Amino acid sequence: MRKGLWFVLAALSLAAVARAADTNPNIGCGFGTRFFGDKDTKIPLILGATTNGTYTQTFGISSETAGCTAKGGWVKNEKKATVYAEVNLPRISKEMAQGGGEYLSAFAVLMGCQDQTAKQAFFKLTQQKYESIFTTASIDAPTMLRNLRTVMAADPKLATL
């Protein structure tokens, strides 16, 4: 009975910390940030980074708690878009040239196109500006993303994404 009560109290405490946690840019997100990351001195930062490194950061990222949210935390859609582009670059390239497709649709969401209208504008833009986005045959994902962001910034429908 007592073990069950202690478990419930511990779970509630962790949940409260997860909701209140902020991200420290020096050590990322996780419970270590909440407990130790409020000071920018060496010892608390080391303790916070160590705590985050013991799976609390992984938990926070996968559950988007402990300050690890796509909106304001350490994990951002930019990172997700970069990883997605690196893994699927040939498919994205092909579908941009075609003006649509499954991989390009998922990529559009990562680039901020949440509704169908924005996706259609994204498809049209990437097809029209394909040569500006894929400047060489051996382009890497970060360069392609920089080119894409430049092209999107010049488009009135997609500039705010």
N, C-alpha and C. Protein backbone atom coordinates (compact mmCIF):
# COMPACT_ATOMS: atom_id res chain seq x y z
N MET A 1 0.82 -1.19 0.00
CA MET A 1 0.00 0.00 0.00
C MET A 1 0.87 1.26 0.00
N ARG A 2 1.91 1.27 0.85
CA ARG A 2 2.77 2.44 0.93
C ARG A 2 3.56 2.64 -0.37
N LYS A 3 4.01 1.53 -0.97
CA LYS A 3 4.75 1.65 -2.23
C LYS A 3 3.87 2.25 -3.31
N GLY A 4 2.63 1.87 -3.34
CA GLY A 4 1.70 2.42 -4.33
C GLY A 4 1.49 3.91 -4.12
N LEU A 5 1.38 4.34 -2.88
CA LEU A 5 1.20 5.75 -2.57
C LEU A 5 2.44 6.55 -2.98
N TRP A 6 3.62 6.02 -2.67
CA TRP A 6 4.86 6.70 -3.06
C TRP A 6 4.98 6.79 -4.57
N PHE A 7 4.59 5.73 -5.28
CA PHE A 7 4.63 5.75 -6.74
C PHE A 7 3.72 6.83 -7.30
N VAL A 8 2.49 6.94 -6.78
CA VAL A 8 1.55 7.95 -7.24
C VAL A 8 2.09 9.35 -6.97
N LEU A 9 2.64 9.57 -5.78
CA LEU A 9 3.21 10.88 -5.45
C LEU A 9 4.38 11.22 -6.36
N ALA A 10 5.24 10.25 -6.62
CA ALA A 10 6.38 10.49 -7.53
C ALA A 10 5.91 10.80 -8.94
N ALA A 11 4.92 10.08 -9.41
CA ALA A 11 4.39 10.32 -10.76
C ALA A 11 3.77 11.71 -10.86
N LEU A 12 3.02 12.11 -9.84
CA LEU A 12 2.42 13.45 -9.84
C LEU A 12 3.48 14.54 -9.79
N SER A 13 4.53 14.32 -9.03
CA SER A 13 5.62 15.29 -8.97
C SER A 13 6.31 15.44 -10.31
N LEU A 14 6.57 14.31 -10.97
CA LEU A 14 7.21 14.36 -12.28
C LEU A 14 6.31 15.03 -13.31
N ALA A 15 5.02 14.79 -13.22
CA ALA A 15 4.10 15.43 -14.16
C ALA A 15 4.07 16.94 -13.96
N ALA A 16 4.10 17.37 -12.72
CA ALA A 16 4.12 18.82 -12.45
C ALA A 16 5.40 19.45 -12.96
N VAL A 17 6.51 18.77 -12.76
CA VAL A 17 7.79 19.28 -13.26
C VAL A 17 7.78 19.32 -14.78
N ALA A 18 7.23 18.31 -15.41
CA ALA A 18 7.19 18.26 -16.87
C ALA A 18 6.39 19.43 -17.44
N ARG A 19 5.32 19.80 -16.79
CA ARG A 19 4.51 20.92 -17.28
C ARG A 19 5.20 22.25 -17.06
N ALA A 20 5.96 22.39 -16.01
CA ALA A 20 6.56 23.67 -15.66
C ALA A 20 7.97 23.84 -16.21
N ALA A 21 8.51 22.81 -16.80
CA ALA A 21 9.92 22.86 -17.22
C ALA A 21 10.15 23.84 -18.36
N ASP A 22 11.27 24.53 -18.28
CA ASP A 22 11.71 25.42 -19.34
C ASP A 22 12.93 24.82 -19.99
N THR A 23 13.33 25.37 -21.11
CA THR A 23 14.48 24.89 -21.82
C THR A 23 15.66 25.81 -21.58
N ASN A 24 16.79 25.25 -21.23
CA ASN A 24 18.03 26.02 -21.13
C ASN A 24 18.81 25.75 -22.40
N PRO A 25 19.15 26.78 -23.17
CA PRO A 25 19.84 26.54 -24.45
C PRO A 25 21.20 25.90 -24.28
N ASN A 26 21.77 25.97 -23.09
CA ASN A 26 23.08 25.36 -22.87
C ASN A 26 23.02 23.85 -22.68
N ILE A 27 21.90 23.36 -22.13
CA ILE A 27 21.82 21.92 -21.83
C ILE A 27 20.58 21.26 -22.43
N GLY A 28 19.80 21.99 -23.19
CA GLY A 28 18.64 21.40 -23.83
C GLY A 28 17.46 21.29 -22.90
N CYS A 29 16.58 20.36 -23.22
CA CYS A 29 15.37 20.18 -22.44
C CYS A 29 15.47 18.90 -21.63
N GLY A 30 14.57 18.74 -20.68
CA GLY A 30 14.55 17.56 -19.83
C GLY A 30 14.41 17.97 -18.38
N PHE A 31 14.29 16.98 -17.50
CA PHE A 31 14.11 17.26 -16.09
C PHE A 31 15.34 17.90 -15.46
N GLY A 32 16.51 17.60 -15.99
CA GLY A 32 17.74 18.21 -15.48
C GLY A 32 17.74 19.72 -15.68
N THR A 33 17.11 20.18 -16.73
CA THR A 33 17.01 21.61 -16.99
C THR A 33 16.18 22.27 -15.90
N ARG A 34 15.09 21.63 -15.53
CA ARG A 34 14.21 22.20 -14.50
C ARG A 34 14.88 22.22 -13.13
N PHE A 35 15.57 21.14 -12.79
CA PHE A 35 16.17 21.05 -11.47
C PHE A 35 17.47 21.84 -11.33
N PHE A 36 18.30 21.84 -12.37
CA PHE A 36 19.63 22.42 -12.24
C PHE A 36 19.92 23.55 -13.22
N GLY A 37 19.12 23.70 -14.25
CA GLY A 37 19.48 24.58 -15.35
C GLY A 37 19.12 26.04 -15.19
N ASP A 38 18.70 26.48 -14.01
CA ASP A 38 18.31 27.87 -13.86
C ASP A 38 19.49 28.80 -13.59
N LYS A 39 20.67 28.24 -13.37
CA LYS A 39 21.87 29.05 -13.16
C LYS A 39 22.85 28.73 -14.27
N ASP A 40 23.57 29.75 -14.70
CA ASP A 40 24.55 29.54 -15.77
C ASP A 40 25.96 29.39 -15.21
N THR A 41 26.07 28.64 -14.13
CA THR A 41 27.39 28.31 -13.60
C THR A 41 27.70 26.87 -13.92
N LYS A 42 28.96 26.54 -13.86
CA LYS A 42 29.43 25.26 -14.38
C LYS A 42 28.79 24.04 -13.71
N ILE A 43 28.79 23.97 -12.40
CA ILE A 43 28.31 22.77 -11.69
C ILE A 43 26.83 22.49 -11.97
N PRO A 44 25.91 23.47 -11.82
CA PRO A 44 24.51 23.17 -12.14
C PRO A 44 24.31 22.77 -13.61
N LEU A 45 25.04 23.38 -14.52
CA LEU A 45 24.90 23.02 -15.92
C LEU A 45 25.37 21.60 -16.19
N ILE A 46 26.46 21.20 -15.54
CA ILE A 46 26.96 19.83 -15.70
C ILE A 46 25.94 18.84 -15.12
N LEU A 47 25.41 19.13 -13.94
CA LEU A 47 24.41 18.25 -13.33
C LEU A 47 23.15 18.18 -14.18
N GLY A 48 22.71 19.33 -14.72
CA GLY A 48 21.52 19.35 -15.57
C GLY A 48 21.73 18.56 -16.85
N ALA A 49 22.88 18.74 -17.49
CA ALA A 49 23.15 18.01 -18.73
C ALA A 49 23.25 16.52 -18.46
N THR A 50 23.86 16.14 -17.34
CA THR A 50 23.98 14.73 -16.99
C THR A 50 22.60 14.12 -16.73
N THR A 51 21.76 14.84 -16.00
CA THR A 51 20.40 14.35 -15.74
C THR A 51 19.61 14.23 -17.04
N ASN A 52 19.73 15.22 -17.91
CA ASN A 52 19.03 15.15 -19.20
C ASN A 52 19.54 13.98 -20.03
N GLY A 53 20.80 13.67 -19.89
CA GLY A 53 21.39 12.58 -20.67
C GLY A 53 21.00 11.20 -20.20
N THR A 54 20.39 11.10 -19.03
CA THR A 54 19.98 9.78 -18.51
C THR A 54 18.51 9.51 -18.86
N TYR A 55 18.20 9.60 -20.12
CA TYR A 55 16.91 9.26 -20.70
C TYR A 55 15.78 10.24 -20.40
N THR A 56 15.97 11.25 -19.53
CA THR A 56 14.87 12.18 -19.31
C THR A 56 14.66 13.05 -20.54
N GLN A 57 15.73 13.35 -21.26
CA GLN A 57 15.59 14.15 -22.47
C GLN A 57 14.89 13.34 -23.57
N THR A 58 15.25 12.08 -23.69
CA THR A 58 14.60 11.21 -24.67
C THR A 58 13.11 11.09 -24.37
N PHE A 59 12.78 10.92 -23.09
CA PHE A 59 11.37 10.87 -22.69
C PHE A 59 10.68 12.18 -23.03
N GLY A 60 11.32 13.29 -22.71
CA GLY A 60 10.73 14.60 -22.97
C GLY A 60 10.50 14.85 -24.45
N ILE A 61 11.45 14.44 -25.28
CA ILE A 61 11.32 14.64 -26.72
C ILE A 61 10.18 13.79 -27.27
N SER A 62 10.12 12.53 -26.88
CA SER A 62 9.09 11.64 -27.44
C SER A 62 7.70 11.98 -26.92
N SER A 63 7.60 12.51 -25.71
CA SER A 63 6.29 12.86 -25.16
C SER A 63 5.99 14.35 -25.25
N GLU A 64 6.95 15.13 -25.75
CA GLU A 64 6.86 16.59 -25.84
C GLU A 64 6.49 17.20 -24.49
N THR A 65 7.19 16.74 -23.44
CA THR A 65 7.06 17.32 -22.11
C THR A 65 8.44 17.76 -21.66
N ALA A 66 8.53 18.21 -20.43
CA ALA A 66 9.81 18.62 -19.83
C ALA A 66 10.52 19.70 -20.65
N GLY A 67 9.74 20.58 -21.27
CA GLY A 67 10.31 21.66 -22.05
C GLY A 67 10.72 21.26 -23.46
N CYS A 68 10.45 20.04 -23.85
CA CYS A 68 10.84 19.53 -25.17
C CYS A 68 9.64 19.55 -26.09
N THR A 69 9.25 20.73 -26.53
CA THR A 69 8.10 20.83 -27.40
C THR A 69 8.52 21.36 -28.76
N ALA A 70 7.72 21.07 -29.74
CA ALA A 70 8.02 21.55 -31.09
C ALA A 70 7.85 23.05 -31.17
N LYS A 71 6.99 23.64 -30.36
CA LYS A 71 6.78 25.08 -30.42
C LYS A 71 7.90 25.87 -29.79
N GLY A 72 8.15 25.67 -28.51
CA GLY A 72 9.09 26.54 -27.83
C GLY A 72 10.27 25.84 -27.22
N GLY A 73 10.42 24.58 -27.44
CA GLY A 73 11.48 23.85 -26.78
C GLY A 73 12.64 23.55 -27.69
N TRP A 74 13.42 22.61 -27.26
CA TRP A 74 14.66 22.28 -27.93
C TRP A 74 14.43 21.63 -29.28
N VAL A 75 13.43 20.77 -29.35
CA VAL A 75 13.14 20.09 -30.61
C VAL A 75 12.21 20.99 -31.41
N LYS A 76 12.63 21.40 -32.55
CA LYS A 76 11.85 22.29 -33.39
C LYS A 76 11.58 21.61 -34.72
N ASN A 77 10.57 22.11 -35.41
CA ASN A 77 10.25 21.55 -36.71
C ASN A 77 11.40 21.68 -37.67
N GLU A 78 12.26 22.68 -37.47
CA GLU A 78 13.42 22.83 -38.35
C GLU A 78 14.31 21.59 -38.28
N LYS A 79 14.52 21.07 -37.10
CA LYS A 79 15.33 19.85 -36.95
C LYS A 79 14.61 18.66 -37.59
N LYS A 80 13.32 18.58 -37.38
CA LYS A 80 12.55 17.48 -37.96
C LYS A 80 12.59 17.56 -39.48
N ALA A 81 12.45 18.78 -40.01
CA ALA A 81 12.48 18.97 -41.47
C ALA A 81 13.85 18.61 -42.03
N THR A 82 14.91 18.97 -41.31
CA THR A 82 16.27 18.66 -41.76
C THR A 82 16.49 17.15 -41.82
N VAL A 83 16.10 16.45 -40.77
CA VAL A 83 16.27 15.00 -40.73
C VAL A 83 15.43 14.34 -41.83
N TYR A 84 14.20 14.78 -41.98
CA TYR A 84 13.32 14.22 -43.00
C TYR A 84 13.91 14.45 -44.39
N ALA A 85 14.42 15.66 -44.62
CA ALA A 85 15.01 15.97 -45.94
C ALA A 85 16.26 15.13 -46.19
N GLU A 86 17.08 14.93 -45.16
CA GLU A 86 18.29 14.13 -45.34
C GLU A 86 17.96 12.69 -45.70
N VAL A 87 16.94 12.15 -45.08
CA VAL A 87 16.57 10.75 -45.31
C VAL A 87 15.85 10.57 -46.65
N ASN A 88 15.06 11.55 -47.04
CA ASN A 88 14.18 11.40 -48.21
C ASN A 88 14.51 12.36 -49.35
N LEU A 89 15.72 12.86 -49.42
CA LEU A 89 16.07 13.87 -50.42
C LEU A 89 15.76 13.46 -51.86
N PRO A 90 16.13 12.26 -52.30
CA PRO A 90 15.80 11.89 -53.69
C PRO A 90 14.30 11.88 -53.98
N ARG A 91 13.51 11.39 -53.01
CA ARG A 91 12.05 11.35 -53.20
C ARG A 91 11.45 12.75 -53.21
N ILE A 92 11.94 13.60 -52.29
CA ILE A 92 11.46 14.98 -52.24
C ILE A 92 11.80 15.70 -53.55
N SER A 93 13.00 15.50 -54.05
CA SER A 93 13.42 16.12 -55.29
C SER A 93 12.49 15.72 -56.44
N LYS A 94 12.23 14.44 -56.53
CA LYS A 94 11.37 13.93 -57.61
C LYS A 94 9.97 14.50 -57.51
N GLU A 95 9.42 14.53 -56.29
CA GLU A 95 8.04 15.00 -56.12
C GLU A 95 7.93 16.51 -56.26
N MET A 96 9.00 17.25 -55.93
CA MET A 96 8.98 18.70 -56.19
C MET A 96 8.93 18.95 -57.69
N ALA A 97 9.69 18.19 -58.45
CA ALA A 97 9.68 18.34 -59.91
C ALA A 97 8.32 17.98 -60.48
N GLN A 98 7.63 17.01 -59.86
CA GLN A 98 6.31 16.59 -60.33
C GLN A 98 5.19 17.50 -59.84
N GLY A 99 5.44 18.24 -58.76
CA GLY A 99 4.41 19.13 -58.23
C GLY A 99 3.52 18.51 -57.18
N GLY A 100 3.95 17.42 -56.54
CA GLY A 100 3.16 16.82 -55.47
C GLY A 100 3.55 15.38 -55.24
N GLY A 101 3.01 14.83 -54.17
CA GLY A 101 3.28 13.44 -53.82
C GLY A 101 3.25 13.24 -52.32
N GLU A 102 3.31 12.00 -51.93
CA GLU A 102 3.21 11.62 -50.51
C GLU A 102 4.35 12.19 -49.67
N TYR A 103 5.59 12.05 -50.14
CA TYR A 103 6.73 12.53 -49.37
C TYR A 103 6.74 14.06 -49.31
N LEU A 104 6.39 14.69 -50.41
CA LEU A 104 6.36 16.15 -50.44
C LEU A 104 5.24 16.69 -49.56
N SER A 105 4.13 15.98 -49.47
CA SER A 105 3.03 16.39 -48.60
C SER A 105 3.45 16.36 -47.13
N ALA A 106 4.13 15.31 -46.73
CA ALA A 106 4.63 15.23 -45.35
C ALA A 106 5.68 16.30 -45.09
N PHE A 107 6.53 16.55 -46.07
CA PHE A 107 7.56 17.57 -45.95
C PHE A 107 6.93 18.96 -45.84
N ALA A 108 5.85 19.19 -46.57
CA ALA A 108 5.15 20.48 -46.52
C ALA A 108 4.65 20.77 -45.11
N VAL A 109 4.13 19.75 -44.44
CA VAL A 109 3.67 19.93 -43.06
C VAL A 109 4.84 20.32 -42.16
N LEU A 110 5.97 19.67 -42.31
CA LEU A 110 7.14 20.01 -41.51
C LEU A 110 7.64 21.42 -41.80
N MET A 111 7.38 21.91 -43.00
CA MET A 111 7.79 23.25 -43.38
C MET A 111 6.76 24.31 -42.97
N GLY A 112 5.67 23.88 -42.34
CA GLY A 112 4.69 24.81 -41.80
C GLY A 112 3.39 24.90 -42.55
N CYS A 113 3.21 24.13 -43.59
CA CYS A 113 1.97 24.15 -44.39
C CYS A 113 0.96 23.20 -43.75
N GLN A 114 0.11 23.74 -42.91
CA GLN A 114 -0.81 22.90 -42.15
C GLN A 114 -2.11 22.59 -42.90
N ASP A 115 -2.61 23.54 -43.66
CA ASP A 115 -3.88 23.28 -44.35
C ASP A 115 -3.64 22.97 -45.83
N GLN A 116 -4.69 22.54 -46.49
CA GLN A 116 -4.59 22.11 -47.88
C GLN A 116 -4.22 23.26 -48.81
N THR A 117 -4.71 24.45 -48.54
CA THR A 117 -4.39 25.62 -49.37
C THR A 117 -2.90 25.92 -49.33
N ALA A 118 -2.32 25.89 -48.14
CA ALA A 118 -0.88 26.14 -48.00
C ALA A 118 -0.07 25.04 -48.68
N LYS A 119 -0.53 23.80 -48.56
CA LYS A 119 0.16 22.69 -49.21
C LYS A 119 0.17 22.86 -50.73
N GLN A 120 -0.98 23.24 -51.28
CA GLN A 120 -1.07 23.42 -52.74
C GLN A 120 -0.15 24.54 -53.20
N ALA A 121 -0.09 25.63 -52.41
CA ALA A 121 0.81 26.73 -52.75
C ALA A 121 2.27 26.27 -52.67
N PHE A 122 2.57 25.43 -51.68
CA PHE A 122 3.92 24.89 -51.51
C PHE A 122 4.28 24.00 -52.70
N PHE A 123 3.36 23.13 -53.10
CA PHE A 123 3.61 22.24 -54.25
C PHE A 123 3.89 23.04 -55.51
N LYS A 124 3.05 24.03 -55.75
CA LYS A 124 3.19 24.85 -56.95
C LYS A 124 4.52 25.62 -56.94
N LEU A 125 4.84 26.21 -55.80
CA LEU A 125 6.08 26.98 -55.68
C LEU A 125 7.31 26.10 -55.88
N THR A 126 7.33 24.94 -55.24
CA THR A 126 8.51 24.07 -55.37
C THR A 126 8.68 23.54 -56.78
N GLN A 127 7.57 23.34 -57.48
CA GLN A 127 7.67 22.89 -58.87
C GLN A 127 8.18 24.02 -59.76
N GLN A 128 7.65 25.22 -59.56
CA GLN A 128 8.06 26.36 -60.38
C GLN A 128 9.49 26.79 -60.12
N LYS A 129 9.92 26.70 -58.88
CA LYS A 129 11.25 27.17 -58.49
C LYS A 129 12.23 26.01 -58.25
N TYR A 130 11.97 24.89 -58.88
CA TYR A 130 12.78 23.69 -58.67
C TYR A 130 14.27 23.97 -58.89
N GLU A 131 14.62 24.66 -59.96
CA GLU A 131 16.03 24.92 -60.27
C GLU A 131 16.69 25.84 -59.24
N SER A 132 15.91 26.69 -58.59
CA SER A 132 16.44 27.56 -57.54
C SER A 132 16.63 26.81 -56.23
N ILE A 133 15.87 25.76 -56.05
CA ILE A 133 15.96 24.96 -54.82
C ILE A 133 17.05 23.90 -54.95
N PHE A 134 17.02 23.16 -56.05
CA PHE A 134 18.03 22.12 -56.32
C PHE A 134 19.02 22.69 -57.34
N THR A 135 19.97 23.45 -56.84
CA THR A 135 20.91 24.17 -57.72
C THR A 135 21.96 23.26 -58.36
N THR A 136 22.23 22.13 -57.74
CA THR A 136 23.18 21.16 -58.31
C THR A 136 22.61 19.76 -58.14
N ALA A 137 23.13 18.83 -58.90
CA ALA A 137 22.66 17.44 -58.81
C ALA A 137 23.11 16.79 -57.51
N SER A 138 24.19 17.26 -56.93
CA SER A 138 24.72 16.65 -55.71
C SER A 138 24.48 17.53 -54.48
N ILE A 139 23.38 18.25 -54.47
CA ILE A 139 23.06 19.14 -53.36
C ILE A 139 22.77 18.34 -52.09
N ASP A 140 23.14 18.89 -50.94
CA ASP A 140 22.85 18.22 -49.67
C ASP A 140 21.59 18.84 -49.07
N ALA A 141 21.03 18.16 -48.08
CA ALA A 141 19.76 18.58 -47.49
C ALA A 141 19.82 19.97 -46.84
N PRO A 142 20.85 20.31 -46.04
CA PRO A 142 20.87 21.66 -45.46
C PRO A 142 20.91 22.78 -46.51
N THR A 143 21.65 22.58 -47.58
CA THR A 143 21.70 23.59 -48.65
C THR A 143 20.35 23.69 -49.35
N MET A 144 19.75 22.55 -49.62
CA MET A 144 18.42 22.56 -50.25
C MET A 144 17.43 23.29 -49.36
N LEU A 145 17.48 23.06 -48.05
CA LEU A 145 16.56 23.74 -47.12
C LEU A 145 16.80 25.24 -47.10
N ARG A 146 18.05 25.67 -47.13
CA ARG A 146 18.34 27.11 -47.19
C ARG A 146 17.75 27.72 -48.46
N ASN A 147 17.96 27.04 -49.59
CA ASN A 147 17.41 27.53 -50.85
C ASN A 147 15.88 27.57 -50.81
N LEU A 148 15.29 26.54 -50.23
CA LEU A 148 13.83 26.47 -50.13
C LEU A 148 13.29 27.60 -49.26
N ARG A 149 13.94 27.84 -48.13
CA ARG A 149 13.51 28.94 -47.24
C ARG A 149 13.59 30.29 -47.96
N THR A 150 14.64 30.48 -48.76
CA THR A 150 14.79 31.72 -49.52
C THR A 150 13.65 31.88 -50.52
N VAL A 151 13.34 30.81 -51.22
CA VAL A 151 12.25 30.83 -52.21
C VAL A 151 10.91 31.07 -51.51
N MET A 152 10.70 30.41 -50.37
CA MET A 152 9.45 30.58 -49.63
C MET A 152 9.30 32.00 -49.09
N ALA A 153 10.40 32.60 -48.65
CA ALA A 153 10.36 33.95 -48.10
C ALA A 153 9.93 34.97 -49.16
N ALA A 154 10.21 34.70 -50.41
CA ALA A 154 9.85 35.61 -51.50
C ALA A 154 8.41 35.42 -51.96
N ASP A 155 7.75 34.37 -51.53
CA ASP A 155 6.37 34.10 -51.93
C ASP A 155 5.41 34.66 -50.88
N PRO A 156 4.46 35.51 -51.29
CA PRO A 156 3.56 36.12 -50.31
C PRO A 156 2.68 35.12 -49.55
N LYS A 157 2.33 34.01 -50.17
CA LYS A 157 1.48 33.02 -49.51
C LYS A 157 2.24 32.18 -48.48
N LEU A 158 3.54 32.02 -48.68
CA LEU A 158 4.32 31.13 -47.81
C LEU A 158 5.37 31.86 -46.98
N ALA A 159 5.49 33.16 -47.12
CA ALA A 159 6.54 33.92 -46.44
C ALA A 159 6.42 33.88 -44.92
N THR A 160 5.22 33.74 -44.40
CA THR A 160 5.02 33.79 -42.96
C THR A 160 5.20 32.44 -42.27
N LEU A 161 5.45 31.40 -43.03
CA LEU A 161 5.59 30.05 -42.43
C LEU A 161 6.98 29.85 -41.88
